Protein backbone atom coordinates (compact mmCIF):
# COMPACT_ATOMS: atom_id res chain seq x y z
CA MET A 1 170.38 -45.38 -208.22
CA ALA A 2 172.28 -45.30 -204.95
CA LEU A 3 174.60 -48.14 -204.04
CA THR A 4 173.36 -50.51 -201.40
CA VAL A 5 176.64 -51.37 -199.75
CA SER A 6 175.82 -54.77 -198.32
CA ASP A 7 173.89 -56.07 -201.35
CA ASP A 8 176.45 -54.91 -203.90
CA LEU A 9 179.45 -56.25 -202.01
CA LEU A 10 177.84 -59.61 -201.33
CA THR A 11 176.87 -59.97 -204.98
CA ALA A 12 180.30 -58.93 -206.22
CA PHE A 13 182.24 -61.21 -203.91
CA SER A 14 180.21 -64.43 -203.91
CA ARG A 15 179.35 -66.04 -207.22
CA GLN A 16 181.29 -63.56 -209.34
CA THR A 17 184.44 -64.09 -207.31
CA THR A 18 184.23 -67.81 -207.99
CA VAL A 19 183.80 -67.18 -211.71
CA ASP A 20 186.85 -64.91 -211.72
CA LEU A 21 188.78 -67.52 -209.75
CA TYR A 22 188.11 -70.19 -212.38
CA GLN A 23 189.27 -67.85 -215.12
CA ASN A 24 192.59 -67.12 -213.42
CA SER A 25 193.63 -70.58 -212.21
CA ILE A 26 195.80 -72.49 -214.68
CA TRP A 27 196.03 -75.72 -212.68
CA ALA A 28 192.29 -75.79 -211.98
CA ALA A 29 191.69 -75.68 -215.73
CA LEU A 30 193.90 -78.74 -216.22
CA PHE A 31 192.17 -80.84 -213.55
CA ASN A 32 189.03 -82.89 -214.16
CA ARG A 33 186.05 -81.07 -212.63
CA ASP A 34 183.30 -83.64 -213.21
CA HIS A 35 182.80 -84.30 -209.49
CA GLU A 36 182.23 -80.71 -208.48
CA GLN A 37 178.46 -81.16 -208.36
CA ASP A 38 178.79 -84.34 -206.29
CA ILE A 39 180.88 -82.55 -203.70
CA SER A 40 178.48 -79.59 -203.29
CA GLY A 41 176.59 -81.24 -200.44
CA ALA A 42 179.43 -83.13 -198.79
CA TYR A 43 183.08 -82.85 -197.78
CA ASP A 44 184.21 -85.95 -199.65
CA VAL A 45 183.04 -88.18 -202.46
CA GLU A 46 183.99 -91.72 -203.49
CA ILE A 47 185.20 -92.07 -207.06
CA GLN A 48 185.32 -95.42 -208.82
CA ASP A 49 188.33 -96.21 -210.98
CA VAL A 50 186.74 -98.97 -213.00
CA THR A 51 188.75 -101.67 -214.77
CA ILE A 52 186.82 -103.48 -217.52
CA PRO A 53 188.78 -106.51 -218.69
CA ALA A 54 188.34 -108.05 -222.13
CA THR A 55 190.16 -110.84 -223.87
CA VAL A 56 190.20 -111.74 -227.53
CA THR A 57 190.90 -115.37 -228.41
CA GLU A 58 190.34 -117.62 -231.37
CA ARG A 59 186.95 -119.23 -231.01
CA THR A 60 185.91 -122.71 -232.11
CA ARG A 61 182.40 -122.73 -233.51
CA GLY A 62 179.99 -124.67 -231.34
CA ALA A 63 182.31 -124.64 -228.33
CA ASP A 64 181.31 -123.38 -224.88
CA TRP A 65 181.77 -119.76 -223.99
CA LYS A 66 184.81 -118.96 -221.88
CA THR A 67 184.35 -117.96 -218.27
CA PRO A 68 184.03 -114.16 -218.23
CA THR A 69 186.16 -111.96 -216.04
CA GLU A 70 184.18 -109.50 -213.96
CA GLN A 71 185.00 -105.83 -213.86
CA SER A 72 186.54 -104.33 -210.75
CA ALA A 73 186.72 -100.83 -209.32
CA ALA A 74 189.24 -99.21 -207.04
CA GLN A 75 187.73 -96.70 -204.61
CA LEU A 76 189.36 -93.28 -204.72
CA LYS A 77 188.29 -90.42 -202.49
CA LEU A 78 188.16 -86.73 -203.32
CA ILE A 79 188.35 -84.86 -200.02
CA MET A 80 187.61 -81.17 -199.55
CA ASP A 81 190.53 -80.72 -197.21
CA GLN A 82 192.04 -77.39 -198.29
CA THR A 83 190.65 -74.09 -197.00
CA TYR A 84 191.22 -70.54 -198.14
CA GLU A 85 190.01 -67.16 -197.04
CA VAL A 86 189.77 -63.69 -198.52
CA VAL A 87 189.55 -60.76 -196.10
CA GLN A 88 189.09 -57.24 -197.45
CA LYS A 89 188.09 -53.92 -195.89
CA ALA A 90 186.18 -51.27 -197.83
CA ARG A 91 185.71 -47.61 -196.91
CA TYR A 92 182.29 -46.16 -197.43
CA GLU A 93 183.60 -43.23 -199.50
CA ASP A 94 185.41 -45.65 -201.85
CA ILE A 95 182.24 -47.63 -202.37
CA ARG A 96 180.34 -44.42 -203.11
CA GLN A 97 182.85 -43.64 -205.88
CA SER A 98 182.85 -47.17 -207.24
CA PRO A 99 180.55 -46.55 -210.24
CA ASP A 100 182.91 -43.80 -211.45
CA ILE A 101 186.35 -45.35 -210.95
CA GLY A 102 185.66 -49.09 -211.11
CA TRP A 103 186.98 -49.53 -207.59
CA LEU A 104 184.56 -52.32 -206.69
CA GLU A 105 185.46 -54.36 -209.80
CA ARG A 106 189.18 -53.99 -209.15
CA MET A 107 188.75 -55.00 -205.53
CA ARG A 108 186.87 -58.14 -206.54
CA ALA A 109 189.35 -59.01 -209.28
CA LYS A 110 192.31 -58.57 -206.94
CA GLY A 111 190.80 -60.96 -204.40
CA ALA A 112 189.97 -63.52 -207.10
CA ILE A 113 193.44 -63.40 -208.67
CA ASN A 114 195.19 -63.75 -205.32
CA THR A 115 192.97 -66.71 -204.43
CA ALA A 116 193.64 -68.33 -207.80
CA LEU A 117 197.39 -67.90 -207.32
CA TYR A 118 197.14 -69.50 -203.89
CA ILE A 119 195.18 -72.48 -205.25
CA ASP A 120 197.59 -72.82 -208.19
CA ALA A 121 200.55 -72.91 -205.80
CA ASN A 122 198.82 -75.56 -203.68
CA LEU A 123 197.92 -77.73 -206.68
CA ALA A 124 201.42 -77.39 -208.14
CA ALA A 125 202.91 -78.52 -204.81
CA TYR A 126 200.44 -81.42 -204.70
CA VAL A 127 201.45 -82.67 -208.16
CA ALA A 128 205.15 -82.20 -207.35
CA GLY A 129 204.67 -84.40 -204.27
CA LEU A 130 203.08 -87.28 -206.17
CA THR A 131 204.92 -90.57 -206.59
CA PHE A 132 205.47 -91.59 -210.18
CA ASP A 133 206.23 -95.11 -211.36
CA SER A 134 209.47 -95.54 -213.24
CA ALA A 135 207.49 -96.13 -216.44
CA ASP A 136 205.85 -92.71 -215.99
CA LYS A 137 209.05 -90.75 -215.45
CA LEU A 138 210.86 -89.35 -218.47
CA ALA A 139 214.43 -88.02 -218.27
CA VAL A 140 215.54 -85.72 -221.09
CA GLY A 141 219.12 -84.66 -221.78
CA SER A 142 222.50 -86.11 -220.86
CA GLY A 143 226.19 -85.38 -220.99
CA THR A 144 227.90 -82.05 -220.51
CA THR A 145 226.43 -80.16 -223.46
CA ASN A 146 222.91 -81.51 -223.80
CA VAL A 147 221.75 -79.74 -220.66
CA LEU A 148 219.80 -76.69 -219.51
CA THR A 149 221.56 -74.17 -217.32
CA LEU A 150 219.88 -72.49 -214.37
CA THR A 151 221.26 -69.01 -215.00
CA GLY A 152 221.47 -66.57 -217.84
CA PRO A 153 218.83 -64.70 -219.82
CA ASN A 154 218.45 -67.39 -222.47
CA TYR A 155 218.12 -70.41 -220.14
CA TYR A 156 220.02 -72.83 -222.35
CA LYS A 157 223.52 -74.12 -223.02
CA GLY A 158 224.80 -76.07 -225.98
CA THR A 159 222.31 -78.53 -227.43
CA GLY A 160 220.03 -77.97 -224.43
CA LEU A 161 218.22 -75.57 -226.75
CA ARG A 162 216.28 -78.51 -228.19
CA LEU A 163 215.37 -80.27 -224.94
CA ILE A 164 211.87 -78.82 -224.57
CA ALA A 165 210.81 -80.03 -228.00
CA GLU A 166 212.52 -83.36 -227.29
CA ALA A 167 210.50 -83.70 -224.07
CA ALA A 168 207.27 -83.15 -226.00
CA ARG A 169 208.32 -85.69 -228.63
CA GLN A 170 209.11 -88.36 -226.04
CA ALA A 171 205.91 -87.65 -224.12
CA ALA A 172 203.86 -87.96 -227.32
CA ARG A 173 205.40 -91.37 -228.01
CA HIS A 174 204.89 -92.38 -224.37
CA PHE A 175 201.17 -91.59 -224.36
CA TYR A 176 200.54 -92.90 -227.85
CA ARG A 177 201.64 -96.30 -226.50
CA LYS A 178 198.88 -95.92 -223.94
CA ASN A 179 196.30 -95.14 -226.64
CA VAL A 180 195.69 -91.64 -225.28
CA ILE A 181 194.80 -90.41 -228.73
CA SER A 182 191.27 -89.02 -228.51
CA GLY A 183 189.53 -85.98 -227.08
CA GLN A 184 189.52 -82.24 -227.68
CA SER A 185 192.31 -79.79 -227.21
CA LEU A 186 192.12 -77.05 -224.59
CA ASP A 187 191.10 -74.58 -227.27
CA GLY A 188 188.01 -76.76 -227.80
CA GLN A 189 188.33 -76.92 -231.58
CA THR A 190 191.09 -79.16 -232.85
CA PRO A 191 191.98 -82.75 -231.94
CA GLY A 192 194.26 -83.37 -229.00
CA THR A 193 193.98 -84.37 -225.38
CA LEU A 194 197.46 -84.00 -223.87
CA TRP A 195 198.90 -80.94 -222.13
CA MET A 196 202.42 -80.05 -221.07
CA LEU A 197 202.75 -77.37 -218.40
CA ILE A 198 205.99 -75.39 -218.59
CA SER A 199 207.44 -72.21 -217.10
CA PRO A 200 207.83 -68.96 -219.07
CA GLU A 201 211.62 -69.58 -219.04
CA LEU A 202 211.27 -72.97 -220.73
CA PHE A 203 208.74 -71.52 -223.14
CA SER A 204 211.32 -68.91 -224.19
CA VAL A 205 213.77 -71.76 -224.86
CA LEU A 206 211.15 -73.46 -227.03
CA GLN A 207 210.62 -70.28 -229.01
CA LEU A 208 214.37 -69.95 -229.59
CA ASP A 209 214.46 -73.56 -230.72
CA MET A 210 211.62 -73.00 -233.18
CA LEU A 211 213.42 -69.98 -234.62
CA ASP A 212 216.63 -71.99 -234.88
CA ARG A 213 214.77 -74.69 -236.80
CA GLY A 214 213.69 -72.15 -239.40
CA PHE A 215 210.14 -71.33 -238.34
CA GLN A 216 209.15 -67.85 -239.43
CA TRP A 217 208.43 -65.28 -236.73
CA ASP A 218 204.82 -64.71 -237.82
CA MET A 219 204.17 -68.45 -237.47
CA LEU A 220 205.54 -68.44 -233.91
CA THR A 221 203.37 -65.48 -232.95
CA ASP A 222 200.19 -66.71 -234.60
CA GLN A 223 199.71 -70.36 -235.46
CA VAL A 224 202.41 -72.49 -233.83
CA LEU A 225 203.38 -70.95 -230.49
CA ASP A 226 201.64 -67.85 -229.24
CA ASN A 227 202.94 -65.88 -226.26
CA ARG A 228 200.28 -63.15 -226.26
CA ILE A 229 197.73 -62.69 -223.49
CA ARG A 230 196.17 -66.12 -223.41
CA THR A 231 192.85 -67.73 -222.62
CA GLN A 232 192.06 -68.87 -219.10
CA GLU A 233 193.80 -72.20 -219.73
CA GLY A 234 197.03 -70.52 -220.79
CA TRP A 235 196.96 -72.40 -224.09
CA SER A 236 199.86 -71.30 -226.27
CA GLY A 237 199.99 -73.78 -229.15
CA ARG A 238 200.53 -77.42 -229.98
CA LEU A 239 203.69 -79.42 -230.50
CA PHE A 240 203.70 -83.15 -231.41
CA GLY A 241 199.97 -83.21 -230.65
CA ILE A 242 200.49 -81.84 -227.11
CA ASP A 243 198.96 -78.59 -225.92
CA ILE A 244 201.74 -76.40 -224.54
CA ILE A 245 200.55 -74.53 -221.44
CA VAL A 246 202.63 -71.71 -219.96
CA SER A 247 202.25 -70.80 -216.30
CA ASN A 248 204.33 -68.93 -213.75
CA SER A 249 203.15 -71.45 -211.16
CA VAL A 250 205.82 -73.85 -212.48
CA ALA A 251 208.81 -73.55 -210.16
CA VAL A 252 212.20 -72.46 -211.46
CA PRO A 253 214.99 -74.50 -209.80
CA GLN A 254 217.71 -72.77 -207.85
CA THR A 255 221.36 -72.93 -208.88
CA GLY A 256 223.46 -75.59 -207.19
CA GLY A 257 223.08 -79.15 -206.01
CA SER A 258 221.08 -81.65 -208.03
CA ASN A 259 218.10 -79.38 -208.76
CA ALA A 260 216.55 -79.99 -212.15
CA TRP A 261 213.83 -78.49 -214.24
CA VAL A 262 210.68 -80.59 -213.89
CA VAL A 263 207.51 -80.32 -215.96
CA TYR A 264 204.41 -82.46 -216.24
CA VAL A 265 202.54 -83.96 -219.17
CA GLY A 266 199.10 -85.44 -218.74
CA THR A 267 195.40 -85.37 -219.48
CA ARG A 268 192.42 -83.99 -217.58
CA LYS A 269 191.46 -87.56 -216.72
CA ALA A 270 194.58 -87.95 -214.57
CA LEU A 271 193.63 -85.51 -211.82
CA THR A 272 190.40 -84.23 -210.32
CA MET A 273 189.55 -81.29 -208.12
CA ALA A 274 186.56 -79.37 -206.83
CA ILE A 275 186.09 -75.82 -205.61
CA ASP A 276 182.97 -75.00 -203.62
CA MET A 277 181.03 -71.76 -203.58
CA PRO A 278 182.66 -69.55 -200.93
CA VAL A 279 180.75 -68.55 -197.81
CA THR A 280 180.62 -64.77 -197.65
CA SER A 281 179.99 -62.51 -194.66
CA PHE A 282 179.79 -58.73 -194.63
CA PHE A 283 179.77 -56.57 -191.52
CA THR A 284 180.90 -53.33 -189.90
CA PRO A 285 183.94 -53.84 -187.64
CA GLU A 286 183.39 -52.99 -183.98
CA THR A 287 186.44 -50.71 -183.82
CA ASN A 288 186.34 -48.19 -186.61
CA PRO A 289 188.11 -44.95 -185.71
CA ALA A 290 188.70 -43.78 -189.29
CA GLY A 291 185.05 -43.51 -190.25
CA PRO A 292 182.47 -45.88 -191.73
CA ASN A 293 184.34 -48.96 -192.93
CA TYR A 294 183.00 -52.33 -193.98
CA GLN A 295 184.72 -55.70 -193.84
CA LEU A 296 184.04 -58.59 -196.17
CA ASN A 297 185.21 -62.12 -195.32
CA GLN A 298 185.11 -65.09 -197.66
CA ALA A 299 185.96 -68.68 -196.82
CA GLY A 300 186.04 -71.59 -199.22
CA LEU A 301 187.11 -75.19 -199.64
CA PHE A 302 188.77 -77.14 -202.39
CA GLY A 303 190.07 -80.67 -202.80
CA ARG A 304 192.20 -82.60 -205.26
CA ALA A 305 193.06 -86.21 -206.01
CA ARG A 306 194.82 -88.33 -208.62
CA ILE A 307 192.23 -90.54 -210.26
CA ASN A 308 194.34 -92.21 -212.96
CA PRO A 309 198.06 -92.49 -212.17
CA SER A 310 198.99 -93.69 -215.65
CA LEU A 311 197.73 -90.52 -217.34
CA ILE A 312 200.25 -88.07 -215.95
CA THR A 313 204.00 -88.18 -216.49
CA GLU A 314 206.88 -86.34 -214.83
CA VAL A 315 209.58 -85.04 -217.17
CA THR A 316 212.99 -84.14 -215.73
CA PHE A 317 215.59 -82.20 -217.67
CA ALA A 318 219.29 -82.63 -217.16
CA THR A 319 220.76 -79.41 -215.89
CA ALA A 320 224.27 -78.06 -215.59
CA ASP A 321 224.23 -78.81 -211.90
CA SER A 322 222.65 -82.28 -211.94
C-alpha cells in the first residue's frame, strides 16, 4: 500500500511523538503527573496542599469533647508556561523509501529525544533554582581529604570515594524522620518511594566504592547497581532504600571557585508537571527549489510546580575547590 504522506507524518509525529517523549525524559518520570488530565482543557490548575491536623491527648471518660481543629489547604498553581517546538523537513523521496530503511521512525525518534532532552534541561534548571530550607539541605564531606575532585577520570580523591553512599545514608535517615516510608519503587515491584538523581560521573564513584567495600562484580552488574541500558526512569538499583537514578541531565560542576557537586533526593509527591498533546501541522513550503519537500511543525506546552517542599532535599558535596 502506498504511503499517504500527510496522514503518515501526522500520525507518526502527534500521539506517538508524545509517547516517545515520555519514555526518554528522566525528570518527567520523577515528577508527579496526576494533574495532567486536569490541565488538558486549561492553561493552569489550582492544586490544594491540604493539612489535616490531629492531636492525641489523654481523655477523661464522660468529659466534653475537645474543640476540633479544622483542616486547611494552601493553594498551589500548576501553570503551563513553557513552550517547545519541533520543526522538521522531509523530502518526498525519503518518505517513499521509509518502509525499507526505517527513515520515518528514526525521524520521529530523533525529534522526540531532542524534545525530551530540552524538557529535562528545563526541569533540571527549575529544580536547581528552588529555595530549600536549611532543614532540607544536606552537606556531605569536609576537610581536605573527604572531598570529591572536579577533574580526573575517577572523580574522587582520598575518602571522597565513599561520599555518594554517605549521601544516600544521610538522606535515608532524613526522610525516615519524616515518615516517608511507604510506596512503590520506580521499578514497580519492590518497596521504596525515594529517588536520588545523580550524574554518570558520581555513579562511577559509587560503583568504585561498592567494589572497594567487597561487593562482587556480578552483584554490581545485576542486583545491586546496574549500569546497562536502563528503563525509561533510568532506574539503576537501590541503596539504603533509595532508588538510584542516573541521568546526564545532572550538571557537572566546572573546576575553580566554590562550585560543588549537587544532587537531589525526593519523592514523586514533591514535584508535579504536565505535558500536553502537541499541536501538529503539516504543509508544503512555498519556496521549494530542490523538489517536493514537506515540512512538519509541532508545538507543545508543559508546566511544573513544587507541591510539597518538604519532600525534596538538596545534597551538596564538598569538593576540592569549595
